[in-house]
Amino acid sequence: MFTGIVEELGEVTAVEHLGDAARFRLRGPVVTQGAQHGDSIAVNGVCLTVVDHDTDSFTADVMAETLTRSSLGALAPGSRVNLERPTAVGGRLGGHLVQGHVDGVGTLTARDPSEHWELVTVSLPAHLARYVVEKGSITVDGVSLTVVEAGEAHFTISLIPTTLALTTLGHKQPGDPVNLEVDVIAKYVERMLGHRAAPAPTASGEEAR
């Protein structure tokens, strides 16, 4: 489990294409401190498993499903990435509960800079719109953010100077893809309410009337 508080702005140093998968090498001296084989590290909001590592970098295998459902397939050597290690039990929950499981890919469509912050607009896949609410939480490329405005096909977020300087969101341009993970609590609530609305089966397997 992650919190969406990016620890480090890392860099892709190599990509090995393996047909139905890819192996990435990523530089991140902060997140590799104490890393072990099999540990999890979030890369642009995608939970990946450490295959091997040295003092300042690690490798991770990415299967076709992840390459297809996230923006990781667009990464190349030199790409900057947001890195975060899982939160420790008993640690501070600085952002919100983030699984590292991308729900969809949006597109940054506009940047409206102010003197010290920016309002950014991101397109929203139709199937995710119901989970995004004004002042709710959303993860964009692994960054925990508060929704300013929630539309049917877009949402907006405000980025403070720290976020602009220390994450990929300070460098993204209109047209660039971003990984989106909606609040998992909303999905659980929807699922539970759906079961409550469905008629309960009787002992014989027939629907209750």
C-alpha atoms as a PDB file:
ATOM      1  CA  MET A   1       0.000   0.000   0.000  1.00  0.00           C
ATOM      2  CA  PHE A   2       1.224   3.478  -0.883  1.00  0.00           C
ATOM      3  CA  THR A   3       0.123   6.989   0.051  1.00  0.00           C
ATOM      4  CA  GLY A   4       0.792   8.945  -3.135  1.00  0.00           C
ATOM      5  CA  ILE A   5       3.564  11.023  -1.557  1.00  0.00           C
ATOM      6  CA  VAL A   6       6.384  10.803  -4.107  1.00  0.00           C
ATOM      7  CA  GLU A   7       9.773  10.223  -2.521  1.00  0.00           C
ATOM      8  CA  GLU A   8      11.946  10.775  -5.535  1.00  0.00           C
ATOM      9  CA  LEU A   9      11.965  11.893  -9.142  1.00  0.00           C
ATOM     10  CA  GLY A  10      13.792   9.013 -10.802  1.00  0.00           C
ATOM     11  CA  GLU A  11      14.850   8.227 -14.345  1.00  0.00           C
ATOM     12  CA  VAL A  12      14.530   5.310 -16.738  1.00  0.00           C
ATOM     13  CA  THR A  13      18.050   4.291 -17.772  1.00  0.00           C
ATOM     14  CA  ALA A  14      17.276   1.234 -19.918  1.00  0.00           C
ATOM     15  CA  VAL A  15      14.316  -0.615 -21.430  1.00  0.00           C
ATOM     16  CA  GLU A  16      14.609  -4.207 -22.647  1.00  0.00           C
ATOM     17  CA  HIS A  17      11.657  -5.300 -24.779  1.00  0.00           C
ATOM     18  CA  LEU A  18      10.802  -8.974 -24.283  1.00  0.00           C
ATOM     19  CA  GLY A  19       7.902  -9.543 -26.673  1.00  0.00           C
ATOM     20  CA  ASP A  20       4.967  -9.789 -24.272  1.00  0.00           C
ATOM     21  CA  ALA A  21       6.804  -7.958 -21.485  1.00  0.00           C
ATOM     22  CA  ALA A  22       9.568  -5.454 -20.815  1.00  0.00           C
ATOM     23  CA  ARG A  23      12.326  -5.037 -18.268  1.00  0.00           C
ATOM     24  CA  PHE A  24      13.037  -1.541 -16.984  1.00  0.00           C
ATOM     25  CA  ARG A  25      16.119  -0.269 -15.206  1.00  0.00           C
ATOM     26  CA  LEU A  26      15.392   2.801 -13.155  1.00  0.00           C
ATOM     27  CA  ARG A  27      17.698   5.139 -11.259  1.00  0.00           C
ATOM     28  CA  GLY A  28      16.484   6.089  -7.798  1.00  0.00           C
ATOM     29  CA  PRO A  29      19.080   6.179  -5.021  1.00  0.00           C
ATOM     30  CA  VAL A  30      16.506   7.059  -2.337  1.00  0.00           C
ATOM     31  CA  VAL A  31      14.041   4.227  -3.000  1.00  0.00           C
ATOM     32  CA  THR A  32      16.805   1.633  -3.466  1.00  0.00           C
ATOM     33  CA  GLN A  33      18.160   2.215   0.049  1.00  0.00           C
ATOM     34  CA  GLY A  34      17.579  -1.057   1.862  1.00  0.00           C
ATOM     35  CA  ALA A  35      15.738  -2.552  -1.123  1.00  0.00           C
ATOM     36  CA  GLN A  36      15.532  -6.320  -1.410  1.00  0.00           C
ATOM     37  CA  HIS A  37      14.596  -8.687  -4.223  1.00  0.00           C
ATOM     38  CA  GLY A  38      10.806  -8.909  -4.314  1.00  0.00           C
ATOM     39  CA  ASP A  39      10.133  -5.518  -2.711  1.00  0.00           C
ATOM     40  CA  SER A  40       7.503  -3.233  -4.210  1.00  0.00           C
ATOM     41  CA  ILE A  41       8.170   0.243  -5.610  1.00  0.00           C
ATOM     42  CA  ALA A  42       5.550   2.428  -7.270  1.00  0.00           C
ATOM     43  CA  VAL A  43       6.672   3.824 -10.635  1.00  0.00           C
ATOM     44  CA  ASN A  44       4.367   6.580 -11.898  1.00  0.00           C
ATOM     45  CA  GLY A  45       1.701   5.046  -9.697  1.00  0.00           C
ATOM     46  CA  VAL A  46       2.207   1.454 -10.865  1.00  0.00           C
ATOM     47  CA  CYS A  47       3.283  -1.070  -8.233  1.00  0.00           C
ATOM     48  CA  LEU A  48       6.308  -2.956  -9.599  1.00  0.00           C
ATOM     49  CA  THR A  49       8.472  -5.677  -8.063  1.00  0.00           C
ATOM     50  CA  VAL A  50      12.212  -5.247  -7.629  1.00  0.00           C
ATOM     51  CA  VAL A  51      14.070  -7.940  -9.593  1.00  0.00           C
ATOM     52  CA  ASP A  52      17.585  -6.799  -8.729  1.00  0.00           C
ATOM     53  CA  HIS A  53      19.261  -3.584  -7.591  1.00  0.00           C
ATOM     54  CA  ASP A  54      22.524  -1.849  -6.820  1.00  0.00           C
ATOM     55  CA  THR A  55      23.308   1.266  -4.802  1.00  0.00           C
ATOM     56  CA  ASP A  56      21.299   3.686  -6.926  1.00  0.00           C
ATOM     57  CA  SER A  57      19.118   1.745  -9.367  1.00  0.00           C
ATOM     58  CA  PHE A  58      16.820  -1.255  -9.698  1.00  0.00           C
ATOM     59  CA  THR A  59      15.215  -3.372 -12.397  1.00  0.00           C
ATOM     60  CA  ALA A  60      11.579  -4.401 -12.673  1.00  0.00           C
ATOM     61  CA  ASP A  61       9.682  -6.630 -15.087  1.00  0.00           C
ATOM     62  CA  VAL A  62       6.468  -5.266 -16.591  1.00  0.00           C
ATOM     63  CA  MET A  63       3.998  -7.671 -18.197  1.00  0.00           C
ATOM     64  CA  ALA A  64       1.894  -6.907 -21.266  1.00  0.00           C
ATOM     65  CA  GLU A  65      -1.257  -6.276 -19.189  1.00  0.00           C
ATOM     66  CA  THR A  66       0.477  -3.459 -17.321  1.00  0.00           C
ATOM     67  CA  LEU A  67       2.051  -2.018 -20.460  1.00  0.00           C
ATOM     68  CA  THR A  68      -1.390  -1.938 -22.107  1.00  0.00           C
ATOM     69  CA  ARG A  69      -3.383  -0.546 -19.186  1.00  0.00           C
ATOM     70  CA  SER A  70      -0.905   2.110 -18.063  1.00  0.00           C
ATOM     71  CA  SER A  71       1.403   4.696 -19.598  1.00  0.00           C
ATOM     72  CA  LEU A  72       4.538   2.687 -18.767  1.00  0.00           C
ATOM     73  CA  GLY A  73       4.660   1.399 -22.330  1.00  0.00           C
ATOM     74  CA  ALA A  74       5.537   4.927 -23.476  1.00  0.00           C
ATOM     75  CA  LEU A  75       8.615   5.163 -21.251  1.00  0.00           C
ATOM     76  CA  ALA A  76      12.081   5.250 -22.806  1.00  0.00           C
ATOM     77  CA  PRO A  77      15.622   5.815 -21.541  1.00  0.00           C
ATOM     78  CA  GLY A  78      15.755   9.328 -20.147  1.00  0.00           C
ATOM     79  CA  SER A  79      12.082   9.419 -19.092  1.00  0.00           C
ATOM     80  CA  ARG A  80      11.515  10.845 -15.631  1.00  0.00           C
ATOM     81  CA  VAL A  81       9.342   8.847 -13.248  1.00  0.00           C
ATOM     82  CA  ASN A  82       7.756   9.297  -9.829  1.00  0.00           C
ATOM     83  CA  LEU A  83       9.028   6.759  -7.292  1.00  0.00           C
ATOM     84  CA  GLU A  84       7.578   5.738  -3.939  1.00  0.00           C
ATOM     85  CA  ARG A  85       8.201   2.856  -1.561  1.00  0.00           C
ATOM     86  CA  PRO A  86       5.257   1.249   0.277  1.00  0.00           C
ATOM     87  CA  THR A  87       4.263   2.915   3.515  1.00  0.00           C
ATOM     88  CA  ALA A  88       5.374   1.119   6.682  1.00  0.00           C
ATOM     89  CA  VAL A  89       2.769  -0.180   9.113  1.00  0.00           C
ATOM     90  CA  GLY A  90       2.295   2.534  11.699  1.00  0.00           C
ATOM     91  CA  GLY A  91       3.753   5.195   9.402  1.00  0.00           C
ATOM     92  CA  ARG A  92       2.142   8.504   8.543  1.00  0.00           C
ATOM     93  CA  LEU A  93      -0.597   8.474   5.922  1.00  0.00           C
ATOM     94  CA  GLY A  94       0.363  11.730   4.251  1.00  0.00           C
ATOM     95  CA  GLY A  95      -1.778  11.360   1.119  1.00  0.00           C
ATOM     96  CA  HIS A  96      -4.526   8.736   0.826  1.00  0.00           C
ATOM     97  CA  LEU A  97      -4.712   4.962   0.434  1.00  0.00           C
ATOM     98  CA  VAL A  98      -3.130   4.074  -2.916  1.00  0.00           C
ATOM     99  CA  GLN A  99      -2.837   0.499  -4.180  1.00  0.00           C
ATOM    100  CA  GLY A 100      -0.559   1.061  -7.147  1.00  0.00           C
ATOM    101  CA  HIS A 101      -3.178  -0.518  -9.434  1.00  0.00           C
ATOM    102  CA  VAL A 102      -3.903   1.833 -12.345  1.00  0.00           C
ATOM    103  CA  ASP A 103      -7.601   2.165 -13.232  1.00  0.00           C
ATOM    104  CA  GLY A 104      -7.083   3.988 -16.500  1.00  0.00           C
ATOM    105  CA  VAL A 105      -4.977   6.420 -18.472  1.00  0.00           C
ATOM    106  CA  GLY A 106      -5.952  10.063 -18.859  1.00  0.00           C
ATOM    107  CA  THR A 107      -4.395  12.840 -20.899  1.00  0.00           C
ATOM    108  CA  LEU A 108      -3.166  16.155 -19.594  1.00  0.00           C
ATOM    109  CA  THR A 109      -5.143  18.610 -21.716  1.00  0.00           C
ATOM    110  CA  ALA A 110      -4.350  22.055 -20.295  1.00  0.00           C
ATOM    111  CA  ARG A 111      -2.091  23.949 -17.896  1.00  0.00           C
ATOM    112  CA  ASP A 112      -3.193  27.293 -16.458  1.00  0.00           C
ATOM    113  CA  PRO A 113      -0.241  28.784 -14.553  1.00  0.00           C
ATOM    114  CA  SER A 114      -0.623  31.286 -11.755  1.00  0.00           C
ATOM    115  CA  GLU A 115       2.173  33.104  -9.959  1.00  0.00           C
ATOM    116  CA  HIS A 116       2.978  30.263  -7.547  1.00  0.00           C
ATOM    117  CA  TRP A 117       0.797  27.316  -8.629  1.00  0.00           C
ATOM    118  CA  GLU A 118      -0.887  25.788 -11.651  1.00  0.00           C
ATOM    119  CA  LEU A 119      -4.370  24.545 -12.429  1.00  0.00           C
ATOM    120  CA  VAL A 120      -4.088  21.405 -14.565  1.00  0.00           C
ATOM    121  CA  THR A 121      -6.889  19.754 -16.526  1.00  0.00           C
ATOM    122  CA  VAL A 122      -6.846  16.007 -17.173  1.00  0.00           C
ATOM    123  CA  SER A 123      -9.191  14.022 -19.410  1.00  0.00           C
ATOM    124  CA  LEU A 124     -11.167  11.358 -17.593  1.00  0.00           C
ATOM    125  CA  PRO A 125     -12.112   7.948 -19.069  1.00  0.00           C
ATOM    126  CA  ALA A 126     -15.902   7.615 -18.999  1.00  0.00           C
ATOM    127  CA  HIS A 127     -15.927   4.507 -16.785  1.00  0.00           C
ATOM    128  CA  LEU A 128     -14.068   6.357 -14.014  1.00  0.00           C
ATOM    129  CA  ALA A 129     -16.153   9.530 -13.857  1.00  0.00           C
ATOM    130  CA  ARG A 130     -18.503   8.184 -11.170  1.00  0.00           C
ATOM    131  CA  TYR A 131     -15.592   7.696  -8.742  1.00  0.00           C
ATOM    132  CA  VAL A 132     -14.248  11.253  -9.018  1.00  0.00           C
ATOM    133  CA  VAL A 133     -15.828  13.945  -6.844  1.00  0.00           C
ATOM    134  CA  GLU A 134     -15.023  17.541  -6.030  1.00  0.00           C
ATOM    135  CA  LYS A 135     -12.550  17.731  -3.096  1.00  0.00           C
ATOM    136  CA  GLY A 136     -12.066  13.963  -3.267  1.00  0.00           C
ATOM    137  CA  SER A 137      -8.740  12.209  -3.746  1.00  0.00           C
ATOM    138  CA  ILE A 138      -7.239  10.897  -6.970  1.00  0.00           C
ATOM    139  CA  THR A 139      -3.797   9.566  -7.868  1.00  0.00           C
ATOM    140  CA  VAL A 140      -2.185  11.019 -10.995  1.00  0.00           C
ATOM    141  CA  ASP A 141       1.088   9.359 -12.040  1.00  0.00           C
ATOM    142  CA  GLY A 142       1.434   8.172  -8.454  1.00  0.00           C
ATOM    143  CA  VAL A 143       0.825  11.597  -6.885  1.00  0.00           C
ATOM    144  CA  SER A 144      -1.985  11.930  -4.336  1.00  0.00           C
ATOM    145  CA  LEU A 145      -4.010  15.008  -5.289  1.00  0.00           C
ATOM    146  CA  THR A 146      -7.277  16.731  -4.419  1.00  0.00           C
ATOM    147  CA  VAL A 147      -9.863  17.170  -7.158  1.00  0.00           C
ATOM    148  CA  VAL A 148     -10.788  20.821  -7.707  1.00  0.00           C
ATOM    149  CA  GLU A 149     -13.547  20.287 -10.289  1.00  0.00           C
ATOM    150  CA  ALA A 150     -15.062  16.995 -11.406  1.00  0.00           C
ATOM    151  CA  GLY A 151     -16.697  16.810 -14.840  1.00  0.00           C
ATOM    152  CA  GLU A 152     -18.080  13.940 -16.879  1.00  0.00           C
ATOM    153  CA  ALA A 153     -15.010  13.791 -19.115  1.00  0.00           C
ATOM    154  CA  HIS A 154     -12.361  15.702 -17.170  1.00  0.00           C
ATOM    155  CA  PHE A 155     -11.196  16.865 -13.775  1.00  0.00           C
ATOM    156  CA  THR A 156      -8.894  19.625 -12.580  1.00  0.00           C
ATOM    157  CA  ILE A 157      -6.150  19.655  -9.954  1.00  0.00           C
ATOM    158  CA  SER A 158      -4.059  22.436  -8.418  1.00  0.00           C
ATOM    159  CA  LEU A 159      -0.309  21.883  -8.213  1.00  0.00           C
ATOM    160  CA  ILE A 160       1.794  23.658  -5.609  1.00  0.00           C
ATOM    161  CA  PRO A 161       5.452  24.568  -6.266  1.00  0.00           C
ATOM    162  CA  THR A 162       6.747  21.473  -4.433  1.00  0.00           C
ATOM    163  CA  THR A 163       4.689  19.143  -6.642  1.00  0.00           C
ATOM    164  CA  LEU A 164       5.755  21.030  -9.759  1.00  0.00           C
ATOM    165  CA  ALA A 165       9.433  20.805  -8.819  1.00  0.00           C
ATOM    166  CA  LEU A 166       9.643  17.275  -7.395  1.00  0.00           C
ATOM    167  CA  THR A 167       7.328  15.180  -9.595  1.00  0.00           C
ATOM    168  CA  THR A 168       6.768  14.491 -13.284  1.00  0.00           C
ATOM    169  CA  LEU A 169       3.663  16.684 -13.202  1.00  0.00           C
ATOM    170  CA  GLY A 170       5.861  19.758 -13.356  1.00  0.00           C
ATOM    171  CA  HIS A 171       7.177  18.619 -16.744  1.00  0.00           C
ATOM    172  CA  LYS A 172       4.124  17.054 -18.408  1.00  0.00           C
ATOM    173  CA  GLN A 173       2.730  18.900 -21.412  1.00  0.00           C
ATOM    174  CA  PRO A 174      -0.733  18.914 -22.997  1.00  0.00           C
ATOM    175  CA  GLY A 175      -1.159  15.634 -24.849  1.00  0.00           C
ATOM    176  CA  ASP A 176       0.983  13.614 -22.432  1.00  0.00           C
ATOM    177  CA  PRO A 177      -0.623  10.500 -20.866  1.00  0.00           C
ATOM    178  CA  VAL A 178      -0.951  10.094 -17.092  1.00  0.00           C
ATOM    179  CA  ASN A 179      -1.834   7.063 -14.985  1.00  0.00           C
ATOM    180  CA  LEU A 180      -5.006   7.395 -12.913  1.00  0.00           C
ATOM    181  CA  GLU A 181      -6.048   5.505  -9.804  1.00  0.00           C
ATOM    182  CA  VAL A 182      -9.337   6.481  -8.232  1.00  0.00           C
ATOM    183  CA  ASP A 183     -10.113   6.214  -4.523  1.00  0.00           C
ATOM    184  CA  VAL A 184     -10.428   2.492  -3.768  1.00  0.00           C
ATOM    185  CA  ILE A 185     -12.976   3.191  -1.010  1.00  0.00           C
ATOM    186  CA  ALA A 186     -15.418   4.496  -3.639  1.00  0.00           C
ATOM    187  CA  LYS A 187     -15.111   1.253  -5.596  1.00  0.00           C
ATOM    188  CA  TYR A 188     -15.737  -0.888  -2.506  1.00  0.00           C
ATOM    189  CA  VAL A 189     -18.786   1.181  -1.557  1.00  0.00           C
ATOM    190  CA  GLU A 190     -20.213   0.827  -5.069  1.00  0.00           C
ATOM    191  CA  ARG A 191     -19.675  -2.928  -4.966  1.00  0.00           C
ATOM    192  CA  MET A 192     -21.339  -3.325  -1.568  1.00  0.00           C
ATOM    193  CA  LEU A 193     -24.314  -1.178  -2.496  1.00  0.00           C
ATOM    194  CA  GLY A 194     -24.732  -3.180  -5.693  1.00  0.00           C
ATOM    195  CA  HIS A 195     -24.930  -6.407  -3.720  1.00  0.00           C
ATOM    196  CA  ARG A 196     -27.412  -4.845  -1.299  1.00  0.00           C
ATOM    197  CA  ALA A 197     -29.666  -3.797  -4.173  1.00  0.00           C
ATOM    198  CA  ALA A 198     -29.656  -7.279  -5.733  1.00  0.00           C
ATOM    199  CA  PRO A 199     -32.398  -9.681  -4.554  1.00  0.00           C
ATOM    200  CA  ALA A 200     -31.153 -12.264  -2.071  1.00  0.00           C
ATOM    201  CA  PRO A 201     -31.321 -15.937  -3.152  1.00  0.00           C
ATOM    202  CA  THR A 202     -33.550 -18.328  -1.231  1.00  0.00           C
ATOM    203  CA  ALA A 203     -32.388 -21.679   0.117  1.00  0.00           C
ATOM    204  CA  SER A 204     -33.543 -23.343  -3.071  1.00  0.00           C
ATOM    205  CA  GLY A 205     -31.509 -20.951  -5.186  1.00  0.00           C
ATOM    206  CA  GLU A 206     -34.563 -19.028  -6.416  1.00  0.00           C
ATOM    207  CA  GLU A 207     -34.753 -15.270  -6.027  1.00  0.00           C
ATOM    208  CA  ALA A 208     -36.749 -14.046  -3.068  1.00  0.00           C
ATOM    209  CA  ARG A 209     -40.037 -12.358  -3.919  1.00  0.00           C
END
